[in-house]
């Protein structure tokens, strides 16, 4: 449980510029941003970094999500899994069945050769 309260958009109209940018880059405001918005400069810096990883690579959105989900599973990083499965993964073309299959991807026929290589 977070030790800081979440900064809710409706309660902070002075952060409209920041919340608009976050929603534009993510589709909504996930909890990490609700915490980071206690320091708007930090929240914007985090968004810039995240978008560089998200949009600044040659990976397809699907492959990027497969990699993120597999790393989160391997690291047992529950927060990342909760944010990406199904919220982001489905939007980027990864089914719930594929997310589950990533736990033991080697025998699965759901992934292409390039996805397996990644």
N, C-alpha and C. Protein backbone atom coordinates (compact mmCIF):
# COMPACT_ATOMS: atom_id res chain seq x y z
N UNK A 1 0.84 -1.17 0.00
CA UNK A 1 0.00 0.00 0.00
C UNK A 1 0.89 1.25 0.00
N UNK A 2 0.49 2.21 -0.77
CA UNK A 2 1.27 3.44 -0.88
C UNK A 2 1.25 4.22 0.42
N UNK A 3 2.36 4.84 0.74
CA UNK A 3 2.44 5.67 1.94
C UNK A 3 2.01 7.11 1.66
N UNK A 4 1.96 7.45 0.40
CA UNK A 4 1.46 8.76 -0.02
C UNK A 4 0.04 8.60 -0.53
N UNK A 5 -0.72 9.65 -0.42
CA UNK A 5 -2.06 9.62 -1.02
C UNK A 5 -1.93 9.79 -2.53
N UNK A 6 -2.90 9.30 -3.24
CA UNK A 6 -2.93 9.49 -4.68
C UNK A 6 -3.40 10.90 -5.01
N UNK A 7 -2.78 11.52 -5.97
CA UNK A 7 -3.21 12.82 -6.45
C UNK A 7 -4.28 12.56 -7.50
N UNK A 8 -5.50 12.88 -7.18
CA UNK A 8 -6.62 12.64 -8.09
C UNK A 8 -6.82 13.87 -8.98
N UNK A 9 -6.96 13.62 -10.25
CA UNK A 9 -7.10 14.68 -11.24
C UNK A 9 -8.21 15.66 -10.89
N UNK A 10 -9.34 15.15 -10.48
CA UNK A 10 -10.50 16.01 -10.20
C UNK A 10 -10.26 16.97 -9.02
N UNK A 11 -9.33 16.61 -8.15
CA UNK A 11 -9.04 17.44 -6.99
C UNK A 11 -7.92 18.45 -7.22
N UNK A 12 -7.29 18.38 -8.39
CA UNK A 12 -6.13 19.25 -8.65
C UNK A 12 -6.20 19.85 -10.06
N UNK A 13 -7.12 20.80 -10.27
CA UNK A 13 -7.23 21.42 -11.59
C UNK A 13 -5.96 22.18 -12.00
N UNK A 14 -5.14 22.56 -11.03
CA UNK A 14 -3.89 23.25 -11.35
C UNK A 14 -2.89 22.34 -12.06
N UNK A 15 -3.15 21.03 -12.04
CA UNK A 15 -2.27 20.07 -12.71
C UNK A 15 -2.84 19.61 -14.07
N UNK A 16 -3.79 20.39 -14.60
CA UNK A 16 -4.45 19.99 -15.85
C UNK A 16 -3.47 19.77 -16.99
N UNK A 17 -2.46 20.60 -17.12
CA UNK A 17 -1.48 20.45 -18.18
C UNK A 17 -0.75 19.11 -18.04
N UNK A 18 -0.30 18.81 -16.83
CA UNK A 18 0.42 17.57 -16.58
C UNK A 18 -0.47 16.35 -16.77
N UNK A 19 -1.67 16.39 -16.20
CA UNK A 19 -2.55 15.23 -16.32
C UNK A 19 -2.97 14.99 -17.76
N UNK A 20 -3.13 16.05 -18.51
CA UNK A 20 -3.46 15.91 -19.93
C UNK A 20 -2.33 15.20 -20.69
N UNK A 21 -1.10 15.58 -20.42
CA UNK A 21 0.05 14.93 -21.07
C UNK A 21 0.15 13.46 -20.67
N UNK A 22 -0.07 13.18 -19.40
CA UNK A 22 0.00 11.79 -18.93
C UNK A 22 -1.08 10.96 -19.59
N UNK A 23 -2.30 11.46 -19.64
CA UNK A 23 -3.38 10.72 -20.27
C UNK A 23 -3.14 10.54 -21.75
N UNK A 24 -2.52 11.52 -22.40
CA UNK A 24 -2.23 11.41 -23.82
C UNK A 24 -1.20 10.34 -24.11
N UNK A 25 -0.26 10.17 -23.22
CA UNK A 25 0.79 9.19 -23.42
C UNK A 25 0.42 7.81 -22.94
N UNK A 26 -0.56 7.69 -22.07
CA UNK A 26 -0.90 6.42 -21.46
C UNK A 26 -2.37 6.05 -21.61
N UNK A 27 -3.21 6.98 -22.02
CA UNK A 27 -4.63 6.69 -22.13
C UNK A 27 -5.39 6.94 -20.83
N UNK A 28 -4.70 7.00 -19.74
CA UNK A 28 -5.30 7.24 -18.43
C UNK A 28 -4.19 7.58 -17.46
N UNK A 29 -4.55 7.73 -16.21
CA UNK A 29 -3.54 8.04 -15.20
C UNK A 29 -3.44 6.84 -14.27
N UNK A 30 -2.34 6.08 -14.42
CA UNK A 30 -2.14 4.93 -13.56
C UNK A 30 -1.57 5.39 -12.22
N UNK A 31 -1.60 4.51 -11.25
CA UNK A 31 -1.27 4.88 -9.88
C UNK A 31 0.13 5.47 -9.71
N UNK A 32 1.11 4.98 -10.44
CA UNK A 32 2.46 5.52 -10.29
C UNK A 32 2.47 7.03 -10.55
N UNK A 33 1.70 7.47 -11.54
CA UNK A 33 1.63 8.90 -11.83
C UNK A 33 0.85 9.65 -10.75
N UNK A 34 -0.16 9.00 -10.19
CA UNK A 34 -0.92 9.64 -9.11
C UNK A 34 -0.03 9.89 -7.90
N UNK A 35 0.98 9.08 -7.73
CA UNK A 35 1.95 9.30 -6.65
C UNK A 35 2.98 10.34 -7.06
N UNK A 36 3.50 10.20 -8.28
CA UNK A 36 4.54 11.12 -8.75
C UNK A 36 4.04 12.56 -8.89
N UNK A 37 2.75 12.73 -9.06
CA UNK A 37 2.21 14.08 -9.23
C UNK A 37 2.32 14.94 -7.97
N UNK A 38 2.75 14.36 -6.86
CA UNK A 38 3.09 15.19 -5.70
C UNK A 38 4.24 16.11 -6.07
N UNK A 39 5.04 15.67 -7.04
CA UNK A 39 6.12 16.50 -7.59
C UNK A 39 5.92 16.51 -9.11
N UNK A 40 5.18 17.49 -9.64
CA UNK A 40 4.87 17.49 -11.07
C UNK A 40 6.09 17.39 -11.97
N UNK A 41 7.21 18.01 -11.59
CA UNK A 41 8.42 17.92 -12.42
C UNK A 41 8.91 16.47 -12.49
N UNK A 42 8.85 15.78 -11.38
CA UNK A 42 9.26 14.37 -11.37
C UNK A 42 8.31 13.52 -12.22
N UNK A 43 7.04 13.78 -12.11
CA UNK A 43 6.05 13.04 -12.90
C UNK A 43 6.30 13.23 -14.40
N UNK A 44 6.60 14.46 -14.80
CA UNK A 44 6.84 14.74 -16.22
C UNK A 44 8.15 14.11 -16.69
N UNK A 45 9.14 14.10 -15.83
CA UNK A 45 10.40 13.46 -16.17
C UNK A 45 10.21 11.95 -16.35
N UNK A 46 9.45 11.35 -15.45
CA UNK A 46 9.16 9.92 -15.54
C UNK A 46 8.39 9.62 -16.84
N UNK A 47 7.43 10.46 -17.17
CA UNK A 47 6.65 10.28 -18.40
C UNK A 47 7.56 10.35 -19.62
N UNK A 48 8.46 11.32 -19.63
CA UNK A 48 9.39 11.47 -20.76
C UNK A 48 10.26 10.22 -20.91
N UNK A 49 10.78 9.73 -19.80
CA UNK A 49 11.60 8.52 -19.85
C UNK A 49 10.78 7.32 -20.32
N UNK A 50 9.62 7.16 -19.73
CA UNK A 50 8.76 6.04 -20.09
C UNK A 50 8.38 6.08 -21.57
N UNK A 51 8.06 7.26 -22.07
CA UNK A 51 7.70 7.38 -23.48
C UNK A 51 8.89 7.13 -24.40
N UNK A 52 10.10 7.47 -23.95
CA UNK A 52 11.29 7.18 -24.76
C UNK A 52 11.44 5.67 -24.93
N UNK A 53 11.16 4.94 -23.87
CA UNK A 53 11.22 3.48 -23.95
C UNK A 53 10.05 2.95 -24.76
N UNK A 54 8.89 3.51 -24.51
CA UNK A 54 7.66 3.02 -25.15
C UNK A 54 7.61 3.33 -26.64
N UNK A 55 7.91 4.57 -27.02
CA UNK A 55 7.75 4.99 -28.40
C UNK A 55 9.08 5.16 -29.14
N UNK A 56 10.17 5.20 -28.41
CA UNK A 56 11.46 5.49 -29.02
C UNK A 56 12.26 4.28 -29.44
N UNK A 57 11.60 3.14 -29.59
CA UNK A 57 12.30 1.94 -30.03
C UNK A 57 11.72 1.45 -31.34
N UNK A 58 12.41 0.52 -31.97
CA UNK A 58 11.89 -0.06 -33.21
C UNK A 58 11.04 -1.29 -32.95
N UNK A 59 10.83 -1.63 -31.68
CA UNK A 59 9.98 -2.77 -31.35
C UNK A 59 8.52 -2.44 -31.68
N UNK A 60 7.80 -3.43 -32.14
CA UNK A 60 6.36 -3.24 -32.31
C UNK A 60 5.73 -3.14 -30.93
N UNK A 61 4.58 -2.51 -30.81
CA UNK A 61 3.92 -2.45 -29.50
C UNK A 61 3.67 -3.85 -28.92
N UNK A 62 3.30 -4.80 -29.76
CA UNK A 62 3.05 -6.16 -29.30
C UNK A 62 4.31 -6.78 -28.71
N UNK A 63 5.42 -6.70 -29.44
CA UNK A 63 6.66 -7.30 -28.96
C UNK A 63 7.14 -6.61 -27.68
N UNK A 64 7.02 -5.30 -27.65
CA UNK A 64 7.42 -4.56 -26.45
C UNK A 64 6.64 -5.05 -25.24
N UNK A 65 5.33 -5.24 -25.40
CA UNK A 65 4.50 -5.71 -24.29
C UNK A 65 4.85 -7.14 -23.90
N UNK A 66 5.12 -8.00 -24.88
CA UNK A 66 5.53 -9.37 -24.55
C UNK A 66 6.79 -9.36 -23.69
N UNK A 67 7.75 -8.52 -24.06
CA UNK A 67 9.01 -8.44 -23.31
C UNK A 67 8.76 -7.88 -21.91
N UNK A 68 7.98 -6.83 -21.80
CA UNK A 68 7.70 -6.22 -20.50
C UNK A 68 7.01 -7.24 -19.59
N UNK A 69 6.02 -7.94 -20.12
CA UNK A 69 5.27 -8.89 -19.31
C UNK A 69 6.15 -10.05 -18.88
N UNK A 70 6.97 -10.56 -19.79
CA UNK A 70 7.84 -11.68 -19.43
C UNK A 70 8.86 -11.27 -18.36
N UNK A 71 9.43 -10.10 -18.48
CA UNK A 71 10.36 -9.62 -17.46
C UNK A 71 9.64 -9.45 -16.12
N UNK A 72 8.45 -8.89 -16.14
CA UNK A 72 7.69 -8.70 -14.91
C UNK A 72 7.35 -10.05 -14.26
N UNK A 73 7.02 -11.05 -15.09
CA UNK A 73 6.75 -12.38 -14.55
C UNK A 73 8.01 -12.97 -13.92
N UNK A 74 9.11 -12.87 -14.63
CA UNK A 74 10.38 -13.43 -14.14
C UNK A 74 10.83 -12.77 -12.84
N UNK A 75 10.62 -11.46 -12.76
CA UNK A 75 11.04 -10.71 -11.57
C UNK A 75 9.98 -10.72 -10.47
N UNK A 76 8.85 -11.34 -10.77
CA UNK A 76 7.72 -11.36 -9.84
C UNK A 76 7.33 -9.93 -9.44
N UNK A 77 7.25 -9.09 -10.46
CA UNK A 77 6.92 -7.69 -10.25
C UNK A 77 5.43 -7.50 -10.49
N UNK A 78 4.65 -7.70 -9.43
CA UNK A 78 3.20 -7.71 -9.53
C UNK A 78 2.61 -6.40 -10.04
N UNK A 79 3.18 -5.26 -9.60
CA UNK A 79 2.62 -3.98 -10.03
C UNK A 79 2.67 -3.84 -11.54
N UNK A 80 3.80 -4.18 -12.15
CA UNK A 80 3.92 -4.07 -13.61
C UNK A 80 2.92 -4.99 -14.29
N UNK A 81 2.75 -6.18 -13.76
CA UNK A 81 1.78 -7.11 -14.35
C UNK A 81 0.37 -6.56 -14.26
N UNK A 82 0.02 -5.99 -13.11
CA UNK A 82 -1.32 -5.43 -12.95
C UNK A 82 -1.57 -4.28 -13.91
N UNK A 83 -0.56 -3.51 -14.22
CA UNK A 83 -0.72 -2.38 -15.12
C UNK A 83 -0.74 -2.82 -16.59
N UNK A 84 0.03 -3.83 -16.92
CA UNK A 84 0.15 -4.22 -18.32
C UNK A 84 -0.83 -5.32 -18.72
N UNK A 85 -1.23 -6.18 -17.80
CA UNK A 85 -2.16 -7.26 -18.11
C UNK A 85 -3.45 -6.97 -17.37
N UNK A 86 -4.52 -6.70 -18.03
CA UNK A 86 -4.72 -6.64 -19.47
C UNK A 86 -4.71 -5.23 -20.02
N UNK A 87 -4.57 -4.22 -19.18
CA UNK A 87 -4.79 -2.83 -19.59
C UNK A 87 -4.03 -2.44 -20.85
N UNK A 88 -2.74 -2.63 -20.85
CA UNK A 88 -1.93 -2.17 -21.98
C UNK A 88 -1.74 -3.27 -23.01
N UNK A 89 -1.52 -4.49 -22.52
CA UNK A 89 -1.23 -5.61 -23.42
C UNK A 89 -2.35 -5.83 -24.45
N UNK A 90 -3.57 -5.85 -23.99
CA UNK A 90 -4.69 -6.08 -24.93
C UNK A 90 -4.76 -5.01 -25.99
N UNK A 91 -4.53 -3.77 -25.60
CA UNK A 91 -4.56 -2.67 -26.56
C UNK A 91 -3.44 -2.79 -27.59
N UNK A 92 -2.34 -3.45 -27.19
CA UNK A 92 -1.20 -3.60 -28.09
C UNK A 92 -1.15 -4.96 -28.77
N UNK A 93 -2.25 -5.70 -28.71
CA UNK A 93 -2.37 -6.93 -29.50
C UNK A 93 -1.92 -8.21 -28.83
N UNK A 94 -1.82 -8.22 -27.51
CA UNK A 94 -1.44 -9.43 -26.78
C UNK A 94 -2.67 -9.92 -26.03
N UNK A 95 -3.09 -11.16 -26.31
CA UNK A 95 -4.28 -11.70 -25.66
C UNK A 95 -3.97 -12.16 -24.24
N UNK A 96 -5.03 -12.34 -23.46
CA UNK A 96 -4.84 -12.85 -22.09
C UNK A 96 -4.23 -14.25 -22.13
N UNK A 97 -4.63 -15.05 -23.10
CA UNK A 97 -4.05 -16.39 -23.26
C UNK A 97 -2.54 -16.31 -23.50
N UNK A 98 -2.13 -15.36 -24.32
CA UNK A 98 -0.69 -15.20 -24.59
C UNK A 98 0.05 -14.69 -23.35
N UNK A 99 -0.57 -13.80 -22.60
CA UNK A 99 0.06 -13.32 -21.37
C UNK A 99 0.31 -14.49 -20.42
N UNK A 100 -0.67 -15.35 -20.29
CA UNK A 100 -0.52 -16.52 -19.42
C UNK A 100 0.53 -17.48 -19.97
N UNK A 101 0.54 -17.67 -21.29
CA UNK A 101 1.48 -18.60 -21.92
C UNK A 101 2.93 -18.14 -21.79
N UNK A 102 3.14 -16.84 -21.56
CA UNK A 102 4.50 -16.33 -21.41
C UNK A 102 5.22 -16.93 -20.20
N UNK A 103 4.46 -17.41 -19.23
CA UNK A 103 5.08 -18.01 -18.05
C UNK A 103 5.92 -19.22 -18.44
N UNK A 104 5.48 -19.94 -19.45
CA UNK A 104 6.22 -21.10 -19.96
C UNK A 104 6.12 -21.06 -21.48
N UNK A 105 6.80 -20.09 -22.08
CA UNK A 105 6.64 -19.77 -23.50
C UNK A 105 7.28 -20.79 -24.44
N UNK A 106 8.27 -21.54 -23.98
CA UNK A 106 9.00 -22.44 -24.88
C UNK A 106 8.10 -23.45 -25.60
N UNK A 107 7.20 -24.15 -24.90
CA UNK A 107 6.37 -25.13 -25.63
C UNK A 107 5.16 -24.52 -26.34
N UNK A 108 4.90 -23.24 -26.11
CA UNK A 108 3.72 -22.60 -26.68
C UNK A 108 3.87 -22.35 -28.18
N UNK A 109 2.79 -22.56 -28.90
CA UNK A 109 2.77 -22.29 -30.34
C UNK A 109 2.20 -20.90 -30.63
N UNK A 110 2.01 -20.10 -29.60
CA UNK A 110 1.37 -18.80 -29.77
C UNK A 110 2.32 -17.69 -30.23
N UNK A 111 3.63 -17.93 -30.23
CA UNK A 111 4.57 -16.86 -30.49
C UNK A 111 5.38 -17.12 -31.75
N UNK A 112 5.65 -16.04 -32.48
CA UNK A 112 6.43 -16.13 -33.72
C UNK A 112 7.90 -16.38 -33.40
N UNK A 113 8.67 -16.65 -34.42
CA UNK A 113 10.11 -16.86 -34.26
C UNK A 113 10.78 -15.61 -33.70
N UNK A 114 10.39 -14.44 -34.19
CA UNK A 114 10.97 -13.20 -33.70
C UNK A 114 10.61 -12.96 -32.24
N UNK A 115 9.38 -13.28 -31.86
CA UNK A 115 8.96 -13.12 -30.47
C UNK A 115 9.72 -14.09 -29.58
N UNK A 116 9.93 -15.29 -30.06
CA UNK A 116 10.72 -16.27 -29.29
C UNK A 116 12.17 -15.80 -29.13
N UNK A 117 12.72 -15.23 -30.17
CA UNK A 117 14.11 -14.75 -30.12
C UNK A 117 14.25 -13.63 -29.09
N UNK A 118 13.25 -12.77 -29.05
CA UNK A 118 13.30 -11.67 -28.07
C UNK A 118 13.22 -12.22 -26.67
